N, C-alpha and C. Protein backbone atom coordinates (compact mmCIF):
# COMPACT_ATOMS: atom_id res chain seq x y z
N UNK A 1 -11.80 -10.51 29.33
CA UNK A 1 -10.74 -11.30 28.88
C UNK A 1 -10.76 -11.13 27.26
N UNK A 2 -9.38 -11.06 26.85
CA UNK A 2 -9.02 -10.84 25.45
C UNK A 2 -9.30 -12.38 25.13
N UNK A 3 -9.66 -12.43 23.61
CA UNK A 3 -9.58 -13.79 22.87
C UNK A 3 -8.27 -14.27 22.62
N UNK A 4 -8.30 -15.49 22.30
CA UNK A 4 -6.89 -15.99 22.18
C UNK A 4 -6.68 -16.03 20.50
N UNK A 5 -5.68 -15.46 20.24
CA UNK A 5 -5.11 -15.30 18.76
C UNK A 5 -3.96 -16.10 18.33
N UNK A 6 -4.34 -16.88 17.27
CA UNK A 6 -3.20 -17.58 16.71
C UNK A 6 -2.13 -16.90 15.93
N UNK A 7 -1.11 -17.38 16.16
CA UNK A 7 0.08 -16.75 15.21
C UNK A 7 0.68 -17.95 14.46
N UNK A 8 1.09 -18.02 13.00
CA UNK A 8 1.64 -19.05 12.42
C UNK A 8 3.08 -18.57 12.29
N UNK A 9 4.09 -19.72 12.01
CA UNK A 9 5.45 -19.15 11.62
C UNK A 9 6.09 -20.39 11.20
N UNK A 10 7.14 -20.01 10.42
CA UNK A 10 8.05 -21.17 9.76
C UNK A 10 9.62 -20.62 9.57
N UNK A 11 10.41 -21.45 9.26
CA UNK A 11 11.90 -20.95 8.97
C UNK A 11 12.19 -21.61 7.67
N UNK A 12 12.97 -20.66 6.94
CA UNK A 12 13.48 -21.13 5.56
C UNK A 12 14.86 -20.66 5.48
N UNK A 13 15.64 -21.39 4.71
CA UNK A 13 16.96 -21.14 4.50
C UNK A 13 17.11 -21.37 2.88
N UNK A 14 17.75 -20.40 2.22
CA UNK A 14 18.15 -20.40 0.76
C UNK A 14 19.48 -19.93 0.59
N UNK A 15 20.02 -20.50 -0.37
CA UNK A 15 21.66 -19.92 -0.89
C UNK A 15 21.74 -20.11 -2.30
N UNK A 16 22.84 -19.42 -2.62
CA UNK A 16 23.01 -19.70 -4.09
C UNK A 16 24.07 -18.42 -4.47
N UNK A 17 23.80 -17.68 -5.62
CA UNK A 17 24.83 -16.82 -6.23
C UNK A 17 24.31 -15.61 -6.50
N UNK A 18 24.96 -14.30 -6.54
CA UNK A 18 24.52 -13.29 -7.08
C UNK A 18 25.60 -12.54 -7.81
N UNK A 19 25.29 -11.58 -8.70
CA UNK A 19 26.28 -10.94 -9.50
C UNK A 19 25.71 -9.54 -9.55
N UNK A 20 26.74 -8.62 -9.64
CA UNK A 20 26.37 -7.13 -9.96
C UNK A 20 26.38 -6.96 -11.34
N UNK A 21 25.53 -5.96 -11.76
CA UNK A 21 25.36 -5.67 -13.14
C UNK A 21 26.78 -5.06 -13.80
N UNK A 22 27.32 -4.52 -12.90
CA UNK A 22 28.60 -3.74 -13.57
C UNK A 22 29.83 -4.94 -13.58
N UNK A 23 29.59 -6.10 -12.99
CA UNK A 23 30.49 -7.26 -13.06
C UNK A 23 29.85 -8.55 -13.15
N UNK A 24 29.07 -8.77 -14.22
CA UNK A 24 28.43 -9.89 -14.34
C UNK A 24 28.97 -11.38 -14.37
N UNK A 25 30.28 -11.23 -14.72
CA UNK A 25 30.96 -12.51 -14.64
C UNK A 25 31.56 -13.05 -13.15
N UNK A 26 31.30 -12.10 -12.42
CA UNK A 26 31.98 -12.46 -10.90
C UNK A 26 30.65 -12.80 -10.09
N UNK A 27 30.68 -14.17 -10.16
CA UNK A 27 29.51 -14.64 -9.30
C UNK A 27 29.99 -14.71 -7.86
N UNK A 28 29.27 -14.22 -6.84
CA UNK A 28 29.46 -14.35 -5.34
C UNK A 28 28.42 -15.00 -4.83
N UNK A 29 28.80 -15.70 -3.64
CA UNK A 29 27.88 -16.39 -2.66
C UNK A 29 26.96 -15.71 -1.99
N UNK A 30 25.70 -16.07 -1.77
CA UNK A 30 24.72 -15.45 -1.01
C UNK A 30 23.93 -16.43 -0.30
N UNK A 31 23.52 -16.22 0.94
CA UNK A 31 22.61 -17.19 1.85
C UNK A 31 21.71 -16.26 2.68
N UNK A 32 20.62 -16.70 2.80
CA UNK A 32 19.46 -16.08 3.62
C UNK A 32 18.77 -17.13 4.42
N UNK A 33 18.55 -16.86 5.64
CA UNK A 33 17.80 -17.49 6.62
C UNK A 33 16.89 -16.67 7.23
N UNK A 34 15.53 -17.03 7.18
CA UNK A 34 14.49 -16.16 7.72
C UNK A 34 13.77 -16.99 8.51
N UNK A 35 12.78 -16.21 9.25
CA UNK A 35 11.70 -16.79 10.04
C UNK A 35 10.44 -15.94 9.36
N UNK A 36 9.42 -16.86 8.86
CA UNK A 36 8.33 -16.08 8.41
C UNK A 36 7.12 -16.17 9.37
N UNK A 37 6.50 -15.04 9.69
CA UNK A 37 5.39 -15.41 10.60
C UNK A 37 4.11 -14.22 10.38
N UNK A 38 3.24 -14.95 10.61
CA UNK A 38 1.72 -14.17 10.28
C UNK A 38 1.39 -13.77 11.73
N UNK A 39 1.53 -12.55 12.19
CA UNK A 39 0.98 -12.08 13.37
C UNK A 39 -0.36 -12.29 13.98
N UNK A 40 -1.15 -12.03 12.98
CA UNK A 40 -2.66 -12.17 13.28
C UNK A 40 -3.39 -12.91 12.17
N UNK A 41 -4.01 -14.09 12.57
CA UNK A 41 -4.64 -15.09 11.76
C UNK A 41 -5.58 -14.26 10.64
N UNK A 42 -6.42 -13.58 11.29
CA UNK A 42 -7.59 -12.74 10.41
C UNK A 42 -7.02 -12.04 9.41
N UNK A 43 -5.97 -11.16 9.75
CA UNK A 43 -5.38 -10.45 8.66
C UNK A 43 -4.85 -11.17 7.67
N UNK A 44 -4.00 -12.20 8.06
CA UNK A 44 -3.35 -13.13 7.10
C UNK A 44 -4.49 -13.70 6.19
N UNK A 45 -5.62 -14.13 6.67
CA UNK A 45 -6.65 -14.70 5.83
C UNK A 45 -7.01 -13.85 4.77
N UNK A 46 -6.92 -12.41 5.04
CA UNK A 46 -7.26 -11.18 4.05
C UNK A 46 -6.29 -10.98 3.14
N UNK A 47 -4.95 -10.58 3.76
CA UNK A 47 -3.94 -10.05 2.76
C UNK A 47 -2.90 -11.17 2.32
N UNK A 48 -2.77 -12.37 3.16
CA UNK A 48 -2.09 -13.45 2.84
C UNK A 48 -0.39 -13.04 2.90
N UNK A 49 -0.22 -12.16 3.74
CA UNK A 49 1.17 -11.78 3.95
C UNK A 49 1.88 -12.23 5.16
N UNK A 50 3.11 -12.85 4.94
CA UNK A 50 3.80 -13.19 5.98
C UNK A 50 4.91 -12.12 6.23
N UNK A 51 5.30 -11.91 7.52
CA UNK A 51 6.25 -10.93 7.81
C UNK A 51 7.53 -11.77 8.00
N UNK A 52 8.67 -11.27 7.51
CA UNK A 52 9.99 -11.91 7.37
C UNK A 52 11.10 -11.23 8.43
N UNK A 53 11.86 -12.02 8.88
CA UNK A 53 12.93 -11.46 9.53
C UNK A 53 14.03 -12.47 9.71
N UNK A 54 15.43 -11.99 9.37
CA UNK A 54 16.40 -13.14 9.51
C UNK A 54 17.93 -12.59 9.27
N UNK A 55 18.71 -13.16 8.53
CA UNK A 55 20.02 -12.88 8.39
C UNK A 55 20.32 -13.18 6.82
N UNK A 56 21.28 -12.19 6.41
CA UNK A 56 21.45 -12.42 5.03
C UNK A 56 23.07 -12.32 4.96
N UNK A 57 23.66 -13.11 4.30
CA UNK A 57 25.17 -12.97 4.04
C UNK A 57 25.35 -13.01 2.40
N UNK A 58 25.95 -11.75 1.95
CA UNK A 58 26.05 -11.71 0.61
C UNK A 58 27.51 -11.46 0.35
N UNK A 59 28.49 -12.27 -0.05
CA UNK A 59 29.80 -11.87 -0.25
C UNK A 59 30.15 -10.50 -0.88
N UNK A 60 30.87 -9.75 -0.30
CA UNK A 60 31.38 -8.41 -0.51
C UNK A 60 30.29 -7.37 -0.32
N UNK A 61 29.10 -7.84 0.23
CA UNK A 61 28.11 -6.80 0.49
C UNK A 61 27.44 -6.58 1.65
N UNK A 62 27.01 -7.89 2.37
CA UNK A 62 26.67 -8.05 3.70
C UNK A 62 26.68 -9.22 4.48
N UNK A 63 27.50 -9.05 5.55
CA UNK A 63 27.97 -10.22 6.34
C UNK A 63 27.14 -10.51 7.61
N UNK A 64 26.25 -11.37 7.56
CA UNK A 64 25.34 -11.68 8.66
C UNK A 64 24.44 -10.63 8.86
N UNK A 65 23.94 -9.91 8.06
CA UNK A 65 23.26 -8.61 8.45
C UNK A 65 21.61 -8.82 8.59
N UNK A 66 21.07 -8.35 9.40
CA UNK A 66 19.67 -8.44 9.62
C UNK A 66 18.71 -7.98 8.41
N UNK A 67 17.90 -8.78 8.11
CA UNK A 67 16.77 -8.52 7.02
C UNK A 67 15.39 -8.57 7.69
N UNK A 68 14.50 -7.58 7.16
CA UNK A 68 13.14 -7.59 7.34
C UNK A 68 12.38 -7.55 5.98
N UNK A 69 11.23 -7.96 6.00
CA UNK A 69 10.57 -7.95 4.76
C UNK A 69 9.14 -8.79 4.75
N UNK A 70 8.82 -9.14 3.59
CA UNK A 70 7.58 -9.70 3.38
C UNK A 70 7.43 -10.88 2.45
N UNK A 71 6.74 -11.74 2.48
CA UNK A 71 6.40 -12.84 1.68
C UNK A 71 4.87 -12.90 1.53
N UNK A 72 4.32 -12.78 0.17
CA UNK A 72 2.93 -12.73 0.10
C UNK A 72 2.72 -14.15 -0.51
N UNK A 73 1.45 -14.78 0.03
CA UNK A 73 1.17 -16.03 -0.25
C UNK A 73 0.26 -16.00 -1.39
N UNK A 74 0.65 -16.15 -2.78
CA UNK A 74 -0.30 -15.80 -3.94
C UNK A 74 -0.26 -17.10 -4.88
N UNK A 75 0.18 -18.30 -4.05
CA UNK A 75 0.33 -19.54 -4.70
C UNK A 75 -0.79 -20.07 -5.31
N UNK A 76 -1.99 -20.02 -4.51
CA UNK A 76 -3.16 -20.48 -5.11
C UNK A 76 -3.96 -19.89 -6.33
N UNK A 77 -4.02 -18.52 -6.18
CA UNK A 77 -4.68 -17.65 -7.00
C UNK A 77 -3.89 -17.05 -8.18
N UNK A 78 -2.45 -16.85 -8.08
CA UNK A 78 -1.67 -16.41 -9.01
C UNK A 78 -0.48 -17.04 -9.41
N UNK A 79 -0.17 -18.53 -8.62
CA UNK A 79 0.95 -19.20 -8.66
C UNK A 79 2.28 -18.62 -8.48
N UNK A 80 2.29 -17.67 -7.57
CA UNK A 80 3.55 -17.17 -7.23
C UNK A 80 3.79 -16.82 -5.84
N UNK A 81 4.90 -16.50 -5.23
CA UNK A 81 5.28 -16.21 -4.04
C UNK A 81 6.31 -15.01 -3.85
N UNK A 82 5.85 -13.99 -3.83
CA UNK A 82 6.69 -12.81 -4.03
C UNK A 82 7.48 -12.50 -2.54
N UNK A 83 8.66 -12.25 -2.64
CA UNK A 83 9.53 -12.13 -1.40
C UNK A 83 10.05 -10.60 -1.72
N UNK A 84 10.29 -10.03 -0.51
CA UNK A 84 11.03 -8.58 -0.61
C UNK A 84 11.49 -8.40 0.72
N UNK A 85 12.77 -8.17 0.62
CA UNK A 85 13.65 -7.92 1.93
C UNK A 85 14.51 -6.58 1.91
N UNK A 86 14.52 -5.83 2.94
CA UNK A 86 15.50 -4.81 3.12
C UNK A 86 16.48 -5.14 4.09
N UNK A 87 17.71 -4.46 3.78
CA UNK A 87 18.66 -4.50 4.73
C UNK A 87 19.84 -3.66 4.50
N UNK A 88 20.67 -3.43 5.55
CA UNK A 88 21.78 -2.46 5.46
C UNK A 88 23.04 -3.19 5.13
N UNK A 89 23.85 -3.02 4.17
CA UNK A 89 24.99 -3.54 3.83
C UNK A 89 26.10 -3.20 4.66
N UNK A 90 27.30 -3.83 4.47
CA UNK A 90 28.49 -3.77 5.32
C UNK A 90 29.03 -2.29 5.18
N UNK A 91 28.64 -1.58 4.11
CA UNK A 91 29.09 -0.19 3.86
C UNK A 91 28.00 0.79 4.29
N UNK A 92 27.05 0.48 5.15
CA UNK A 92 26.16 1.16 5.90
C UNK A 92 24.98 1.79 4.94
N UNK A 93 25.04 1.31 3.60
CA UNK A 93 23.96 1.70 2.81
C UNK A 93 22.73 0.72 2.76
N UNK A 94 21.60 1.33 2.52
CA UNK A 94 20.27 0.51 2.40
C UNK A 94 20.17 -0.20 1.16
N UNK A 95 19.78 -1.53 1.16
CA UNK A 95 19.54 -2.37 -0.08
C UNK A 95 18.28 -2.98 0.15
N UNK A 96 17.70 -3.39 -1.12
CA UNK A 96 16.39 -4.50 -1.14
C UNK A 96 16.81 -5.44 -2.11
N UNK A 97 16.35 -6.74 -1.72
CA UNK A 97 16.32 -7.74 -2.47
C UNK A 97 14.77 -8.22 -2.57
N UNK A 98 14.46 -8.40 -3.90
CA UNK A 98 13.12 -8.72 -4.23
C UNK A 98 12.99 -9.51 -5.49
N UNK A 99 12.28 -10.73 -5.16
CA UNK A 99 12.08 -11.73 -6.11
C UNK A 99 10.68 -12.44 -5.92
N UNK A 100 10.63 -13.47 -6.80
CA UNK A 100 9.35 -14.52 -6.47
C UNK A 100 9.57 -15.84 -6.95
N UNK A 101 9.10 -16.70 -6.37
CA UNK A 101 8.98 -18.03 -6.74
C UNK A 101 7.66 -18.22 -7.57
N UNK A 102 7.69 -18.87 -8.73
CA UNK A 102 6.63 -19.15 -9.73
C UNK A 102 6.42 -20.41 -9.84
N UNK A 103 5.35 -21.08 -9.38
CA UNK A 103 4.94 -22.48 -9.49
C UNK A 103 4.62 -22.84 -10.89
N UNK A 104 5.19 -24.06 -11.45
CA UNK A 104 5.13 -24.36 -12.84
C UNK A 104 4.46 -26.08 -12.59
N UNK A 105 3.56 -26.27 -13.25
CA UNK A 105 3.08 -27.74 -13.15
C UNK A 105 4.03 -28.50 -13.98
N UNK A 106 5.00 -28.04 -14.86
CA UNK A 106 6.03 -28.95 -15.61
C UNK A 106 7.05 -29.21 -14.65
N UNK A 107 7.51 -28.49 -13.66
CA UNK A 107 8.66 -28.69 -12.80
C UNK A 107 7.92 -28.05 -11.42
N UNK A 108 7.24 -28.80 -10.65
CA UNK A 108 6.49 -28.36 -9.41
C UNK A 108 7.60 -28.12 -8.46
N UNK A 109 8.37 -29.03 -8.00
CA UNK A 109 9.15 -28.88 -7.00
C UNK A 109 10.19 -27.96 -7.32
N UNK A 110 10.97 -27.94 -8.16
CA UNK A 110 12.18 -27.10 -8.81
C UNK A 110 11.63 -25.73 -8.62
N UNK A 111 10.32 -25.45 -9.34
CA UNK A 111 9.87 -24.06 -9.29
C UNK A 111 9.38 -23.50 -8.11
N UNK A 112 9.21 -24.14 -7.09
CA UNK A 112 8.70 -23.61 -5.74
C UNK A 112 9.94 -23.51 -4.72
N UNK A 113 11.09 -24.12 -5.22
CA UNK A 113 12.37 -23.99 -4.48
C UNK A 113 13.38 -23.11 -5.03
N UNK A 114 12.90 -22.55 -6.12
CA UNK A 114 14.14 -21.53 -6.67
C UNK A 114 13.49 -20.11 -6.76
N UNK A 115 14.36 -19.16 -6.13
CA UNK A 115 14.02 -17.74 -6.11
C UNK A 115 14.93 -16.81 -6.90
N UNK A 116 14.40 -16.60 -8.23
CA UNK A 116 15.23 -15.47 -8.70
C UNK A 116 14.92 -14.16 -8.20
N UNK A 117 15.85 -13.34 -8.13
CA UNK A 117 15.74 -12.17 -7.34
C UNK A 117 16.54 -10.90 -8.02
N UNK A 118 16.22 -9.75 -7.70
CA UNK A 118 16.85 -8.44 -8.04
C UNK A 118 17.51 -7.67 -6.78
N UNK A 119 18.42 -7.29 -7.01
CA UNK A 119 19.10 -6.46 -5.90
C UNK A 119 19.09 -4.96 -6.33
N UNK A 120 18.42 -4.14 -5.51
CA UNK A 120 18.41 -2.80 -5.58
C UNK A 120 19.19 -1.80 -4.63
N UNK A 121 19.58 -0.68 -5.03
CA UNK A 121 20.39 0.18 -4.13
C UNK A 121 19.25 1.22 -3.36
N UNK A 122 19.74 2.04 -2.50
CA UNK A 122 18.83 2.81 -1.81
C UNK A 122 18.08 3.84 -2.71
N UNK A 123 18.56 4.03 -3.91
CA UNK A 123 17.67 4.80 -4.78
C UNK A 123 16.72 4.20 -5.60
N UNK A 124 16.69 2.85 -5.45
CA UNK A 124 15.70 1.90 -6.38
C UNK A 124 16.36 1.73 -7.51
N UNK A 125 17.60 1.74 -7.83
CA UNK A 125 18.17 1.42 -9.03
C UNK A 125 18.68 0.06 -9.05
N UNK A 126 18.60 -0.86 -10.18
CA UNK A 126 18.89 -2.04 -9.99
C UNK A 126 20.42 -2.20 -10.02
N UNK A 127 20.92 -3.06 -8.87
CA UNK A 127 22.25 -3.22 -8.72
C UNK A 127 22.88 -4.50 -9.12
N UNK A 128 22.01 -5.56 -9.07
CA UNK A 128 22.47 -6.90 -9.33
C UNK A 128 21.39 -7.97 -9.51
N UNK A 129 21.73 -9.28 -9.64
CA UNK A 129 20.85 -10.22 -9.87
C UNK A 129 21.16 -11.24 -9.07
N UNK A 130 20.17 -12.33 -8.53
CA UNK A 130 20.46 -13.43 -7.57
C UNK A 130 19.63 -14.45 -7.89
N UNK A 131 20.19 -15.68 -7.67
CA UNK A 131 19.57 -16.98 -7.87
C UNK A 131 19.59 -17.74 -6.59
N UNK A 132 18.51 -17.94 -5.77
CA UNK A 132 18.69 -18.53 -4.45
C UNK A 132 17.97 -19.76 -4.69
N UNK A 133 18.27 -20.99 -3.91
CA UNK A 133 17.54 -22.16 -3.86
C UNK A 133 17.30 -22.67 -2.36
N UNK A 134 16.18 -23.28 -2.43
CA UNK A 134 15.85 -23.84 -1.12
C UNK A 134 16.09 -25.43 -1.38
N UNK A 135 17.12 -25.96 -0.51
CA UNK A 135 17.37 -27.36 -0.86
C UNK A 135 16.44 -28.43 -0.07
N UNK A 136 15.43 -28.75 -0.74
CA UNK A 136 14.37 -29.63 -0.25
C UNK A 136 14.85 -30.77 0.28
N UNK A 137 15.78 -31.46 -0.45
CA UNK A 137 16.15 -32.66 0.15
C UNK A 137 17.08 -32.69 1.25
N UNK A 138 17.91 -31.55 1.48
CA UNK A 138 18.70 -31.46 2.69
C UNK A 138 18.03 -30.76 3.91
N UNK A 139 17.00 -29.70 3.47
CA UNK A 139 16.50 -29.04 4.46
C UNK A 139 14.97 -29.03 4.56
N UNK A 140 14.32 -29.97 3.78
CA UNK A 140 12.81 -30.18 3.78
C UNK A 140 12.30 -30.60 5.14
N UNK A 141 12.93 -31.51 5.68
CA UNK A 141 12.29 -31.99 7.00
C UNK A 141 12.41 -31.04 8.20
N UNK A 142 13.39 -30.20 8.13
CA UNK A 142 13.70 -29.11 9.13
C UNK A 142 12.57 -27.96 8.81
N UNK A 143 12.45 -27.69 7.66
CA UNK A 143 11.38 -26.75 6.93
C UNK A 143 10.04 -27.07 7.59
N UNK A 144 9.70 -28.40 7.35
CA UNK A 144 8.25 -28.95 7.69
C UNK A 144 8.31 -28.82 9.31
N UNK A 145 9.25 -29.18 10.13
CA UNK A 145 9.26 -29.46 11.56
C UNK A 145 9.12 -27.73 11.98
N UNK A 146 9.56 -26.88 11.25
CA UNK A 146 9.59 -25.47 11.83
C UNK A 146 8.37 -24.62 11.68
N UNK A 147 7.37 -25.35 11.11
CA UNK A 147 5.95 -24.85 10.97
C UNK A 147 5.47 -24.72 12.68
N UNK A 148 4.80 -23.60 13.04
CA UNK A 148 4.28 -23.65 14.49
C UNK A 148 3.11 -22.60 14.23
N UNK A 149 2.28 -23.21 15.35
CA UNK A 149 0.91 -22.32 15.51
C UNK A 149 1.04 -21.82 17.18
N UNK A 150 1.40 -20.55 17.27
CA UNK A 150 1.49 -19.90 18.59
C UNK A 150 0.18 -19.25 19.04
N UNK A 151 -0.30 -19.59 20.18
CA UNK A 151 -1.58 -18.91 20.82
C UNK A 151 -1.18 -17.91 21.73
N UNK A 152 -1.55 -16.77 21.74
CA UNK A 152 -1.42 -15.65 22.73
C UNK A 152 -2.88 -14.86 22.79
N UNK A 153 -2.86 -14.17 23.89
CA UNK A 153 -4.02 -13.35 24.03
C UNK A 153 -3.71 -11.75 24.10
């Protein structure tokens, strides 16, 4: 008989604006909805990495496109939460969105709900910058209710 293994998950939605480096005054809407899950508790306890999957809408770049990536839980030891997502744009090209939330004791709630990020093209060249926010007042209760422990063997 195989032992029962717990799996943890939660959902998060963020939205904001992004701009391309070649047009920095043209702000565009961006939104991201993901499920974060830790497939194996023992591995998560060591590497503190959540797997991410979800959908991205980035005006003029990606319309409801699937994303996959990681979220590393470094909040306690390094005061940061690095996010990294890969996706295919509407043009068929591969892109990456990478950023991190950085906890600050001066603004604890704001710092943990703000995700500054950088957009990269398939060659790894910086293409743009984004600022995404998790709306704690509007979505906080749903976020807390989304935390789950799944048991499977």
